[in-house]
């Protein structure tokens, strides 16, 4: 059986190999730069999301303002705290006519 000729392995120098060598020597390129890029990108992305949220809320408030401009507030009654108190007192007087009834316990449960 023939033997293989001994040739030492010499990797080809490419752009990616040189970047890998730099990243191994300087972890800032390998870990720090992607982290900073992620933080900056997330900042821009979140600013767009929050802007959408506030735009949606403003659109809802504009709808309410338009409905008020159409005169929906005309037919509403004025709110009086004293009248509301009297109304609730009258309602509580109606609820005083109740009787406490004991519920039977399931079989096997002691009293």
PDB file of N, CA and C in Angstrom:
ATOM      1  N   UNK A   1       0.832  -1.161   0.000  1.00  0.00           N
ATOM      2  CA  UNK A   1       0.000   0.000   0.000  1.00  0.00           C
ATOM      3  C   UNK A   1       0.887   1.239   0.000  1.00  0.00           C
ATOM      4  N   UNK A   2       0.564   2.188  -0.894  1.00  0.00           N
ATOM      5  CA  UNK A   2       1.440   3.362  -0.973  1.00  0.00           C
ATOM      6  C   UNK A   2       1.202   4.307   0.209  1.00  0.00           C
ATOM      7  N   UNK A   3       2.194   4.992   0.573  1.00  0.00           N
ATOM      8  CA  UNK A   3       2.079   5.959   1.664  1.00  0.00           C
ATOM      9  C   UNK A   3       1.749   7.332   1.085  1.00  0.00           C
ATOM     10  N   UNK A   4       1.108   8.116   1.909  1.00  0.00           N
ATOM     11  CA  UNK A   4       0.745   9.464   1.458  1.00  0.00           C
ATOM     12  C   UNK A   4       1.951  10.385   1.601  1.00  0.00           C
ATOM     13  N   UNK A   5       2.124  11.262   0.637  1.00  0.00           N
ATOM     14  CA  UNK A   5       3.250  12.193   0.773  1.00  0.00           C
ATOM     15  C   UNK A   5       2.975  13.172   1.919  1.00  0.00           C
ATOM     16  N   UNK A   6       3.979  13.539   2.667  1.00  0.00           N
ATOM     17  CA  UNK A   6       3.762  14.449   3.795  1.00  0.00           C
ATOM     18  C   UNK A   6       3.821  15.882   3.295  1.00  0.00           C
ATOM     19  N   UNK A   7       2.690  16.508   3.306  1.00  0.00           N
ATOM     20  CA  UNK A   7       2.608  17.914   2.943  1.00  0.00           C
ATOM     21  C   UNK A   7       2.022  18.646   4.142  1.00  0.00           C
ATOM     22  N   UNK A   8       2.687  19.623   4.653  1.00  0.00           N
ATOM     23  CA  UNK A   8       2.110  20.362   5.777  1.00  0.00           C
ATOM     24  C   UNK A   8       0.897  21.167   5.317  1.00  0.00           C
ATOM     25  N   UNK A   9      -0.082  21.287   6.205  1.00  0.00           N
ATOM     26  CA  UNK A   9      -1.308  22.035   5.885  1.00  0.00           C
ATOM     27  C   UNK A   9      -1.026  23.522   6.022  1.00  0.00           C
ATOM     28  N   UNK A  10      -1.249  24.232   4.943  1.00  0.00           N
ATOM     29  CA  UNK A  10      -1.079  25.688   4.945  1.00  0.00           C
ATOM     30  C   UNK A  10      -2.407  26.298   4.507  1.00  0.00           C
ATOM     31  N   UNK A  11      -3.136  26.879   5.461  1.00  0.00           N
ATOM     32  CA  UNK A  11      -4.426  27.453   5.075  1.00  0.00           C
ATOM     33  C   UNK A  11      -4.233  28.652   4.166  1.00  0.00           C
ATOM     34  N   UNK A  12      -5.199  28.814   3.292  1.00  0.00           N
ATOM     35  CA  UNK A  12      -5.150  29.949   2.382  1.00  0.00           C
ATOM     36  C   UNK A  12      -5.545  31.209   3.147  1.00  0.00           C
ATOM     37  N   UNK A  13      -4.911  32.290   2.838  1.00  0.00           N
ATOM     38  CA  UNK A  13      -5.248  33.551   3.502  1.00  0.00           C
ATOM     39  C   UNK A  13      -6.376  34.218   2.718  1.00  0.00           C
ATOM     40  N   UNK A  14      -7.521  34.308   3.366  1.00  0.00           N
ATOM     41  CA  UNK A  14      -8.677  34.979   2.767  1.00  0.00           C
ATOM     42  C   UNK A  14      -9.093  36.107   3.701  1.00  0.00           C
ATOM     43  N   UNK A  15     -10.064  36.848   3.253  1.00  0.00           N
ATOM     44  CA  UNK A  15     -10.556  37.969   4.059  1.00  0.00           C
ATOM     45  C   UNK A  15     -11.196  37.455   5.346  1.00  0.00           C
ATOM     46  N   UNK A  16     -11.961  36.372   5.271  1.00  0.00           N
ATOM     47  CA  UNK A  16     -12.623  35.836   6.457  1.00  0.00           C
ATOM     48  C   UNK A  16     -11.611  35.306   7.465  1.00  0.00           C
ATOM     49  N   UNK A  17     -10.540  34.686   6.981  1.00  0.00           N
ATOM     50  CA  UNK A  17      -9.522  34.184   7.902  1.00  0.00           C
ATOM     51  C   UNK A  17      -8.853  35.330   8.640  1.00  0.00           C
ATOM     52  N   UNK A  18      -8.603  36.422   7.942  1.00  0.00           N
ATOM     53  CA  UNK A  18      -7.972  37.558   8.614  1.00  0.00           C
ATOM     54  C   UNK A  18      -8.931  38.171   9.641  1.00  0.00           C
ATOM     55  N   UNK A  19     -10.238  38.216   9.333  1.00  0.00           N
ATOM     56  CA  UNK A  19     -11.224  38.728  10.310  1.00  0.00           C
ATOM     57  C   UNK A  19     -11.303  37.807  11.521  1.00  0.00           C
ATOM     58  N   UNK A  20     -11.263  36.504  11.294  1.00  0.00           N
ATOM     59  CA  UNK A  20     -11.290  35.555  12.408  1.00  0.00           C
ATOM     60  C   UNK A  20     -10.074  35.726  13.304  1.00  0.00           C
ATOM     61  N   UNK A  21      -8.927  35.932  12.716  1.00  0.00           N
ATOM     62  CA  UNK A  21      -7.706  36.116  13.507  1.00  0.00           C
ATOM     63  C   UNK A  21      -7.802  37.387  14.335  1.00  0.00           C
ATOM     64  N   UNK A  22      -8.319  38.460  13.750  1.00  0.00           N
ATOM     65  CA  UNK A  22      -8.478  39.708  14.503  1.00  0.00           C
ATOM     66  C   UNK A  22      -9.479  39.540  15.638  1.00  0.00           C
ATOM     67  N   UNK A  23     -10.565  38.823  15.364  1.00  0.00           N
ATOM     68  CA  UNK A  23     -11.598  38.634  16.393  1.00  0.00           C
ATOM     69  C   UNK A  23     -11.062  37.808  17.553  1.00  0.00           C
ATOM     70  N   UNK A  24     -10.212  36.862  17.273  1.00  0.00           N
ATOM     71  CA  UNK A  24      -9.638  36.053  18.343  1.00  0.00           C
ATOM     72  C   UNK A  24      -8.672  36.870  19.201  1.00  0.00           C
ATOM     73  N   UNK A  25      -7.983  37.804  18.569  1.00  0.00           N
ATOM     74  CA  UNK A  25      -7.056  38.641  19.321  1.00  0.00           C
ATOM     75  C   UNK A  25      -7.789  39.746  20.075  1.00  0.00           C
ATOM     76  N   UNK A  26      -8.842  40.258  19.513  1.00  0.00           N
ATOM     77  CA  UNK A  26      -9.565  41.373  20.131  1.00  0.00           C
ATOM     78  C   UNK A  26     -11.028  40.980  20.306  1.00  0.00           C
ATOM     79  N   UNK A  27     -11.446  40.625  21.517  1.00  0.00           N
ATOM     80  CA  UNK A  27     -12.840  40.196  21.716  1.00  0.00           C
ATOM     81  C   UNK A  27     -13.848  41.323  21.541  1.00  0.00           C
ATOM     82  N   UNK A  28     -13.385  42.565  21.482  1.00  0.00           N
ATOM     83  CA  UNK A  28     -14.312  43.679  21.262  1.00  0.00           C
ATOM     84  C   UNK A  28     -14.996  43.530  19.916  1.00  0.00           C
ATOM     85  N   UNK A  29     -14.268  43.116  18.911  1.00  0.00           N
ATOM     86  CA  UNK A  29     -14.875  42.931  17.588  1.00  0.00           C
ATOM     87  C   UNK A  29     -15.851  41.772  17.579  1.00  0.00           C
ATOM     88  N   UNK A  30     -15.555  40.746  18.354  1.00  0.00           N
ATOM     89  CA  UNK A  30     -16.373  39.539  18.332  1.00  0.00           C
ATOM     90  C   UNK A  30     -17.607  39.658  19.218  1.00  0.00           C
ATOM     91  N   UNK A  31     -17.478  40.317  20.370  1.00  0.00           N
ATOM     92  CA  UNK A  31     -18.592  40.419  21.314  1.00  0.00           C
ATOM     93  C   UNK A  31     -19.132  41.843  21.439  1.00  0.00           C
ATOM     94  N   UNK A  32     -18.264  42.820  21.553  1.00  0.00           N
ATOM     95  CA  UNK A  32     -18.677  44.198  21.830  1.00  0.00           C
ATOM     96  C   UNK A  32     -19.409  44.852  20.677  1.00  0.00           C
ATOM     97  N   UNK A  33     -18.882  44.731  19.485  1.00  0.00           N
ATOM     98  CA  UNK A  33     -19.490  45.382  18.325  1.00  0.00           C
ATOM     99  C   UNK A  33     -20.900  44.854  18.031  1.00  0.00           C
ATOM    100  N   UNK A  34     -21.142  43.538  18.014  1.00  0.00           N
ATOM    101  CA  UNK A  34     -22.518  43.067  17.812  1.00  0.00           C
ATOM    102  C   UNK A  34     -23.463  43.512  18.930  1.00  0.00           C
ATOM    103  N   UNK A  35     -22.954  43.566  20.158  1.00  0.00           N
ATOM    104  CA  UNK A  35     -23.779  44.007  21.281  1.00  0.00           C
ATOM    105  C   UNK A  35     -24.187  45.470  21.098  1.00  0.00           C
ATOM    106  N   UNK A  36     -23.247  46.321  20.756  1.00  0.00           N
ATOM    107  CA  UNK A  36     -23.547  47.741  20.566  1.00  0.00           C
ATOM    108  C   UNK A  36     -24.499  47.924  19.388  1.00  0.00           C
ATOM    109  N   UNK A  37     -24.285  47.196  18.304  1.00  0.00           N
ATOM    110  CA  UNK A  37     -25.184  47.288  17.146  1.00  0.00           C
ATOM    111  C   UNK A  37     -26.598  46.837  17.520  1.00  0.00           C
ATOM    112  N   UNK A  38     -26.718  45.809  18.344  1.00  0.00           N
ATOM    113  CA  UNK A  38     -28.034  45.346  18.791  1.00  0.00           C
ATOM    114  C   UNK A  38     -28.723  46.407  19.645  1.00  0.00           C
ATOM    115  N   UNK A  39     -27.981  47.041  20.540  1.00  0.00           N
ATOM    116  CA  UNK A  39     -28.567  48.072  21.407  1.00  0.00           C
ATOM    117  C   UNK A  39     -29.048  49.265  20.593  1.00  0.00           C
ATOM    118  N   UNK A  40     -28.246  49.709  19.645  1.00  0.00           N
ATOM    119  CA  UNK A  40     -28.628  50.859  18.818  1.00  0.00           C
ATOM    120  C   UNK A  40     -29.821  50.501  17.941  1.00  0.00           C
ATOM    121  N   UNK A  41     -29.799  49.315  17.339  1.00  0.00           N
ATOM    122  CA  UNK A  41     -30.930  48.885  16.503  1.00  0.00           C
ATOM    123  C   UNK A  41     -32.214  48.739  17.301  1.00  0.00           C
ATOM    124  N   UNK A  42     -32.105  48.182  18.521  1.00  0.00           N
ATOM    125  CA  UNK A  42     -33.287  48.035  19.368  1.00  0.00           C
ATOM    126  C   UNK A  42     -33.832  49.392  19.775  1.00  0.00           C
ATOM    127  N   UNK A  43     -32.957  50.355  19.999  1.00  0.00           N
ATOM    128  CA  UNK A  43     -33.405  51.697  20.356  1.00  0.00           C
ATOM    129  C   UNK A  43     -34.252  52.298  19.242  1.00  0.00           C
ATOM    130  N   UNK A  44     -33.781  52.181  18.012  1.00  0.00           N
ATOM    131  CA  UNK A  44     -34.563  52.709  16.888  1.00  0.00           C
ATOM    132  C   UNK A  44     -35.871  51.939  16.709  1.00  0.00           C
ATOM    133  N   UNK A  45     -35.822  50.619  16.877  1.00  0.00           N
ATOM    134  CA  UNK A  45     -37.036  49.818  16.738  1.00  0.00           C
ATOM    135  C   UNK A  45     -38.058  50.148  17.801  1.00  0.00           C
ATOM    136  N   UNK A  46     -37.621  50.291  19.051  1.00  0.00           N
ATOM    137  CA  UNK A  46     -38.557  50.619  20.132  1.00  0.00           C
ATOM    138  C   UNK A  46     -39.111  52.021  19.990  1.00  0.00           C
ATOM    139  N   UNK A  47     -38.321  52.939  19.463  1.00  0.00           N
ATOM    140  CA  UNK A  47     -38.854  54.290  19.265  1.00  0.00           C
ATOM    141  C   UNK A  47     -39.984  54.268  18.236  1.00  0.00           C
ATOM    142  N   UNK A  48     -39.858  53.433  17.217  1.00  0.00           N
ATOM    143  CA  UNK A  48     -40.942  53.314  16.233  1.00  0.00           C
ATOM    144  C   UNK A  48     -42.193  52.704  16.875  1.00  0.00           C
ATOM    145  N   UNK A  49     -42.017  51.686  17.718  1.00  0.00           N
ATOM    146  CA  UNK A  49     -43.162  51.056  18.374  1.00  0.00           C
ATOM    147  C   UNK A  49     -43.875  52.019  19.314  1.00  0.00           C
ATOM    148  N   UNK A  50     -43.120  52.767  20.094  1.00  0.00           N
ATOM    149  CA  UNK A  50     -43.763  53.702  21.027  1.00  0.00           C
ATOM    150  C   UNK A  50     -44.446  54.830  20.269  1.00  0.00           C
ATOM    151  N   UNK A  51     -43.863  55.265  19.160  1.00  0.00           N
ATOM    152  CA  UNK A  51     -44.511  56.308  18.359  1.00  0.00           C
ATOM    153  C   UNK A  51     -45.839  55.806  17.809  1.00  0.00           C
ATOM    154  N   UNK A  52     -45.891  54.555  17.386  1.00  0.00           N
ATOM    155  CA  UNK A  52     -47.136  53.962  16.902  1.00  0.00           C
ATOM    156  C   UNK A  52     -48.173  53.927  18.019  1.00  0.00           C
ATOM    157  N   UNK A  53     -47.738  53.592  19.222  1.00  0.00           N
ATOM    158  CA  UNK A  53     -48.651  53.549  20.369  1.00  0.00           C
ATOM    159  C   UNK A  53     -49.267  54.917  20.631  1.00  0.00           C
ATOM    160  N   UNK A  54     -48.430  55.962  20.654  1.00  0.00           N
ATOM    161  CA  UNK A  54     -48.951  57.292  20.924  1.00  0.00           C
ATOM    162  C   UNK A  54     -49.820  57.814  19.778  1.00  0.00           C
ATOM    163  N   UNK A  55     -49.479  57.466  18.548  1.00  0.00           N
ATOM    164  CA  UNK A  55     -50.325  57.867  17.412  1.00  0.00           C
ATOM    165  C   UNK A  55     -51.698  57.222  17.512  1.00  0.00           C
ATOM    166  N   UNK A  56     -51.749  55.953  17.894  1.00  0.00           N
ATOM    167  CA  UNK A  56     -53.025  55.246  18.031  1.00  0.00           C
ATOM    168  C   UNK A  56     -53.869  55.889  19.134  1.00  0.00           C
ATOM    169  N   UNK A  57     -53.244  56.223  20.270  1.00  0.00           N
ATOM    170  CA  UNK A  57     -53.966  56.841  21.367  1.00  0.00           C
ATOM    171  C   UNK A  57     -54.504  58.218  20.963  1.00  0.00           C
ATOM    172  N   UNK A  58     -53.694  59.005  20.244  1.00  0.00           N
ATOM    173  CA  UNK A  58     -54.143  60.321  19.799  1.00  0.00           C
ATOM    174  C   UNK A  58     -55.302  60.206  18.816  1.00  0.00           C
ATOM    175  N   UNK A  59     -55.276  59.188  17.969  1.00  0.00           N
ATOM    176  CA  UNK A  59     -56.366  58.987  17.018  1.00  0.00           C
ATOM    177  C   UNK A  59     -57.669  58.688  17.772  1.00  0.00           C
ATOM    178  N   UNK A  60     -57.578  57.879  18.844  1.00  0.00           N
ATOM    179  CA  UNK A  60     -58.758  57.566  19.656  1.00  0.00           C
ATOM    180  C   UNK A  60     -59.307  58.823  20.317  1.00  0.00           C
ATOM    181  N   UNK A  61     -58.443  59.669  20.836  1.00  0.00           N
ATOM    182  CA  UNK A  61     -58.898  60.894  21.488  1.00  0.00           C
ATOM    183  C   UNK A  61     -59.496  61.874  20.482  1.00  0.00           C
ATOM    184  N   UNK A  62     -58.979  61.880  19.276  1.00  0.00           N
ATOM    185  CA  UNK A  62     -59.568  62.746  18.250  1.00  0.00           C
ATOM    186  C   UNK A  62     -60.980  62.290  17.910  1.00  0.00           C
ATOM    187  N   UNK A  63     -61.232  60.967  17.913  1.00  0.00           N
ATOM    188  CA  UNK A  63     -62.578  60.482  17.649  1.00  0.00           C
ATOM    189  C   UNK A  63     -63.547  60.971  18.711  1.00  0.00           C
ATOM    190  N   UNK A  64     -63.144  60.911  19.962  1.00  0.00           N
ATOM    191  CA  UNK A  64     -64.001  61.374  21.050  1.00  0.00           C
ATOM    192  C   UNK A  64     -64.250  62.865  20.909  1.00  0.00           C
ATOM    193  N   UNK A  65     -63.235  63.608  20.536  1.00  0.00           N
ATOM    194  CA  UNK A  65     -63.388  65.050  20.384  1.00  0.00           C
ATOM    195  C   UNK A  65     -64.377  65.365  19.250  1.00  0.00           C
ATOM    196  N   UNK A  66     -64.352  64.588  18.176  1.00  0.00           N
ATOM    197  CA  UNK A  66     -65.289  64.821  17.074  1.00  0.00           C
ATOM    198  C   UNK A  66     -66.724  64.522  17.512  1.00  0.00           C
ATOM    199  N   UNK A  67     -66.898  63.448  18.297  1.00  0.00           N
ATOM    200  CA  UNK A  67     -68.237  63.112  18.774  1.00  0.00           C
ATOM    201  C   UNK A  67     -68.767  64.202  19.696  1.00  0.00           C
ATOM    202  N   UNK A  68     -67.907  64.760  20.510  1.00  0.00           N
ATOM    203  CA  UNK A  68     -68.334  65.854  21.384  1.00  0.00           C
ATOM    204  C   UNK A  68     -68.690  67.071  20.560  1.00  0.00           C
ATOM    205  N   UNK A  69     -67.981  67.299  19.471  1.00  0.00           N
ATOM    206  CA  UNK A  69     -68.274  68.432  18.611  1.00  0.00           C
ATOM    207  C   UNK A  69     -69.638  68.272  17.938  1.00  0.00           C
ATOM    208  N   UNK A  70     -70.082  67.039  17.759  1.00  0.00           N
ATOM    209  CA  UNK A  70     -71.387  66.806  17.143  1.00  0.00           C
ATOM    210  C   UNK A  70     -72.533  67.067  18.113  1.00  0.00           C
ATOM    211  N   UNK A  71     -72.240  67.243  19.374  1.00  0.00           N
ATOM    212  CA  UNK A  71     -73.276  67.591  20.332  1.00  0.00           C
ATOM    213  C   UNK A  71     -73.811  66.432  21.129  1.00  0.00           C
ATOM    214  N   UNK A  72     -72.984  65.452  21.416  1.00  0.00           N
ATOM    215  CA  UNK A  72     -73.467  64.311  22.183  1.00  0.00           C
ATOM    216  C   UNK A  72     -73.617  64.637  23.663  1.00  0.00           C
ATOM    217  N   UNK A  73     -73.034  65.719  24.118  1.00  0.00           N
ATOM    218  CA  UNK A  73     -73.095  66.084  25.524  1.00  0.00           C
ATOM    219  C   UNK A  73     -74.400  66.793  25.873  1.00  0.00           C
ATOM    220  N   UNK A  74     -75.213  67.149  24.918  1.00  0.00           N
ATOM    221  CA  UNK A  74     -76.430  67.929  25.186  1.00  0.00           C
ATOM    222  C   UNK A  74     -77.447  67.165  26.025  1.00  0.00           C
ATOM    223  N   UNK A  75     -77.639  65.886  25.735  1.00  0.00           N
ATOM    224  CA  UNK A  75     -78.715  65.124  26.359  1.00  0.00           C
ATOM    225  C   UNK A  75     -78.328  64.475  27.686  1.00  0.00           C
ATOM    226  N   UNK A  76     -77.137  64.656  28.152  1.00  0.00           N
ATOM    227  CA  UNK A  76     -76.722  64.019  29.394  1.00  0.00           C
ATOM    228  C   UNK A  76     -77.170  64.838  30.587  1.00  0.00           C
ATOM    229  N   UNK A  77     -77.537  64.110  31.659  1.00  0.00           N
ATOM    230  CA  UNK A  77     -77.973  64.823  32.859  1.00  0.00           C
ATOM    231  C   UNK A  77     -76.765  65.237  33.676  1.00  0.00           C
ATOM    232  N   UNK A  78     -76.926  66.273  34.455  1.00  0.00           N
ATOM    233  CA  UNK A  78     -75.852  66.759  35.310  1.00  0.00           C
ATOM    234  C   UNK A  78     -75.653  65.792  36.465  1.00  0.00           C
ATOM    235  N   UNK A  79     -74.443  65.577  36.868  1.00  0.00           N
ATOM    236  CA  UNK A  79     -74.121  64.665  37.945  1.00  0.00           C
ATOM    237  C   UNK A  79     -74.061  65.444  39.248  1.00  0.00           C
ATOM    238  N   UNK A  80     -74.843  64.975  40.211  1.00  0.00           N
ATOM    239  CA  UNK A  80     -74.841  65.594  41.533  1.00  0.00           C
ATOM    240  C   UNK A  80     -74.494  64.509  42.541  1.00  0.00           C
ATOM    241  N   UNK A  81     -73.502  64.769  43.344  1.00  0.00           N
ATOM    242  CA  UNK A  81     -73.063  63.796  44.328  1.00  0.00           C
ATOM    243  C   UNK A  81     -74.129  63.570  45.390  1.00  0.00           C
ATOM    244  N   UNK A  82     -74.832  64.628  45.746  1.00  0.00           N
ATOM    245  CA  UNK A  82     -75.876  64.520  46.772  1.00  0.00           C
ATOM    246  C   UNK A  82     -77.047  63.670  46.261  1.00  0.00           C
ATOM    247  N   UNK A  83     -77.468  63.874  45.029  1.00  0.00           N
ATOM    248  CA  UNK A  83     -78.555  63.074  44.456  1.00  0.00           C
ATOM    249  C   UNK A  83     -78.146  61.605  44.329  1.00  0.00           C
ATOM    250  N   UNK A  84     -76.902  61.367  43.976  1.00  0.00           N
ATOM    251  CA  UNK A  84     -76.427  59.994  43.860  1.00  0.00           C
ATOM    252  C   UNK A  84     -76.425  59.311  45.231  1.00  0.00           C
ATOM    253  N   UNK A  85     -76.050  60.040  46.265  1.00  0.00           N
ATOM    254  CA  UNK A  85     -76.066  59.493  47.618  1.00  0.00           C
ATOM    255  C   UNK A  85     -77.484  59.130  48.033  1.00  0.00           C
ATOM    256  N   UNK A  86     -78.445  60.010  47.764  1.00  0.00           N
ATOM    257  CA  UNK A  86     -79.848  59.730  48.119  1.00  0.00           C
ATOM    258  C   UNK A  86     -80.367  58.520  47.351  1.00  0.00           C
ATOM    259  N   UNK A  87     -79.990  58.404  46.087  1.00  0.00           N
ATOM    260  CA  UNK A  87     -80.436  57.276  45.273  1.00  0.00           C
ATOM    261  C   UNK A  87     -79.887  55.960  45.832  1.00  0.00           C
ATOM    262  N   UNK A  88     -78.629  55.957  46.225  1.00  0.00           N
ATOM    263  CA  UNK A  88     -78.041  54.747  46.786  1.00  0.00           C
ATOM    264  C   UNK A  88     -78.619  54.418  48.162  1.00  0.00           C
ATOM    265  N   UNK A  89     -78.966  55.426  48.947  1.00  0.00           N
ATOM    266  CA  UNK A  89     -79.593  55.183  50.247  1.00  0.00           C
ATOM    267  C   UNK A  89     -80.961  54.539  50.064  1.00  0.00           C
ATOM    268  N   UNK A  90     -81.724  55.008  49.088  1.00  0.00           N
ATOM    269  CA  UNK A  90     -83.050  54.432  48.820  1.00  0.00           C
ATOM    270  C   UNK A  90     -82.904  52.985  48.351  1.00  0.00           C
ATOM    271  N   UNK A  91     -81.896  52.718  47.581  1.00  0.00           N
ATOM    272  CA  UNK A  91     -81.684  51.362  47.087  1.00  0.00           C
ATOM    273  C   UNK A  91     -81.267  50.428  48.232  1.00  0.00           C
ATOM    274  N   UNK A  92     -80.460  50.920  49.173  1.00  0.00           N
ATOM    275  CA  UNK A  92     -80.034  50.075  50.287  1.00  0.00           C
ATOM    276  C   UNK A  92     -81.199  49.765  51.218  1.00  0.00           C
ATOM    277  N   UNK A  93     -82.185  50.654  51.312  1.00  0.00           N
ATOM    278  CA  UNK A  93     -83.364  50.377  52.131  1.00  0.00           C
ATOM    279  C   UNK A  93     -84.168  49.224  51.549  1.00  0.00           C
ATOM    280  N   UNK A  94     -84.184  49.101  50.226  1.00  0.00           N
ATOM    281  CA  UNK A  94     -84.899  48.004  49.578  1.00  0.00           C
ATOM    282  C   UNK A  94     -84.200  46.672  49.853  1.00  0.00           C
ATOM    283  N   UNK A  95     -82.875  46.696  50.000  1.00  0.00           N
ATOM    284  CA  UNK A  95     -82.109  45.471  50.189  1.00  0.00           C
ATOM    285  C   UNK A  95     -82.113  44.980  51.632  1.00  0.00           C
ATOM    286  N   UNK A  96     -82.751  45.682  52.536  1.00  0.00           N
ATOM    287  CA  UNK A  96     -82.768  45.275  53.941  1.00  0.00           C
ATOM    288  C   UNK A  96     -83.754  44.147  54.213  1.00  0.00           C
ATOM    289  N   UNK A  97     -84.605  43.786  53.298  1.00  0.00           N
ATOM    290  CA  UNK A  97     -85.622  42.747  53.498  1.00  0.00           C
ATOM    291  C   UNK A  97     -85.083  41.387  53.055  1.00  0.00           C
ATOM    292  N   UNK A  98     -84.077  40.902  53.706  1.00  0.00           N
ATOM    293  CA  UNK A  98     -83.535  39.602  53.358  1.00  0.00           C
ATOM    294  C   UNK A  98     -83.447  38.760  54.622  1.00  0.00           C
ATOM    295  N   UNK A  99     -83.388  37.465  54.395  1.00  0.00           N
ATOM    296  CA  UNK A  99     -83.361  36.532  55.515  1.00  0.00           C
ATOM    297  C   UNK A  99     -82.184  35.584  55.328  1.00  0.00           C
ATOM    298  N   UNK A 100     -81.453  35.340  56.426  1.00  0.00           N
ATOM    299  CA  UNK A 100     -80.307  34.457  56.343  1.00  0.00           C
ATOM    300  C   UNK A 100     -80.783  33.009  56.374  1.00  0.00           C
ATOM    301  N   UNK A 101     -80.387  32.230  55.393  1.00  0.00           N
ATOM    302  CA  UNK A 101     -80.787  30.838  55.277  1.00  0.00           C
ATOM    303  C   UNK A 101     -79.523  29.989  55.298  1.00  0.00           C
ATOM    304  N   UNK A 102     -79.512  28.977  56.166  1.00  0.00           N
ATOM    305  CA  UNK A 102     -78.352  28.100  56.253  1.00  0.00           C
ATOM    306  C   UNK A 102     -78.415  27.063  55.136  1.00  0.00           C
ATOM    307  N   UNK A 103     -77.314  26.868  54.468  1.00  0.00           N
ATOM    308  CA  UNK A 103     -77.224  25.899  53.381  1.00  0.00           C
ATOM    309  C   UNK A 103     -76.845  24.558  53.989  1.00  0.00           C
ATOM    310  N   UNK A 104     -77.508  23.506  53.558  1.00  0.00           N
ATOM    311  CA  UNK A 104     -77.206  22.175  54.067  1.00  0.00           C
ATOM    312  C   UNK A 104     -75.820  21.749  53.608  1.00  0.00           C
ATOM    313  N   UNK A 105     -75.096  21.121  54.541  1.00  0.00           N
ATOM    314  CA  UNK A 105     -73.739  20.671  54.221  1.00  0.00           C
ATOM    315  C   UNK A 105     -73.814  19.340  53.498  1.00  0.00           C
ATOM    316  N   UNK A 106     -72.822  19.058  52.713  1.00  0.00           N
ATOM    317  CA  UNK A 106     -72.804  17.766  52.017  1.00  0.00           C
ATOM    318  C   UNK A 106     -72.676  16.618  53.031  1.00  0.00           C
ATOM    319  N   UNK A 107     -73.137  15.443  52.681  1.00  0.00           N
ATOM    320  CA  UNK A 107     -73.038  14.319  53.606  1.00  0.00           C
ATOM    321  C   UNK A 107     -71.567  13.990  53.907  1.00  0.00           C
ATOM    322  N   UNK A 108     -71.303  13.698  55.201  1.00  0.00           N
ATOM    323  CA  UNK A 108     -69.957  13.333  55.605  1.00  0.00           C
ATOM    324  C   UNK A 108     -69.159  14.513  56.136  1.00  0.00           C
ATOM    325  N   UNK A 109     -69.705  15.719  56.092  1.00  0.00           N
ATOM    326  CA  UNK A 109     -68.997  16.882  56.597  1.00  0.00           C
ATOM    327  C   UNK A 109     -69.599  17.230  57.952  1.00  0.00           C
ATOM    328  N   UNK A 110     -68.720  17.388  58.965  1.00  0.00           N
ATOM    329  CA  UNK A 110     -69.201  17.718  60.303  1.00  0.00           C
ATOM    330  C   UNK A 110     -69.554  19.188  60.394  1.00  0.00           C
ATOM    331  N   UNK A 111     -70.436  19.481  61.346  1.00  0.00           N
ATOM    332  CA  UNK A 111     -70.835  20.877  61.523  1.00  0.00           C
ATOM    333  C   UNK A 111     -69.928  21.610  62.456  1.00  0.00           C
TER     334      UNK A 111
END
